[in-house]
Amino acid sequence: MKNDELETFVKILNVKDLKESVRILLNEKYSDKVMVDDFLKIIFDRDSSLTKLPFNDFIFLKIENENEKNLNIFLGILNDPLILNDERLNGLFLLVFPDSFRQKYLEITSYLKRLIISKSFKQKLLSLKNEKEIKSFIKKELQDFES
């Protein structure tokens, strides 16, 4: 995957609501309120997105959008964990991508899940204190995937 095909957005979240957390993440890239609301409907009106238990304290959500040109990774780190399906949630990954990137989406989700399983990776990620550090750390980790 080429560097210009992958965009990363990071936000430290201070809210106690998953839907609001996703809204804040989407607002990092999209200024169109109607588009953000439509994206939220895609995620939260589908039972399948939210019935999945968190994966190692993180949840993975996706939006396929034909108007996208890149694979966009949004990472939200929760200052105070949320409880979803009786499981603690420390963060979330939201991937937004065009249909043509479906295979890349599957590959990068698998890669991110392998990273999250790593105790040292997760400890480092959750120990970082600002968005710039987190974004730099994630981008560095994703270089292995991109090559």
Foldseek 3Di string as FASTA:
>chain_A
DDPVQEAEAEDEDADQDPLVQQLVQVVSPDPDPVVSVVQSCVQVVDPVQQVDDAQLQEGEEEAADQPDRHKYKYKYAYPAWYAGPNDTHGIYIYIYYHPVCPVVVVVVVVLVSVQSVDPVSVVVLNPDDDRVVNVVSVVVSCVVVVD
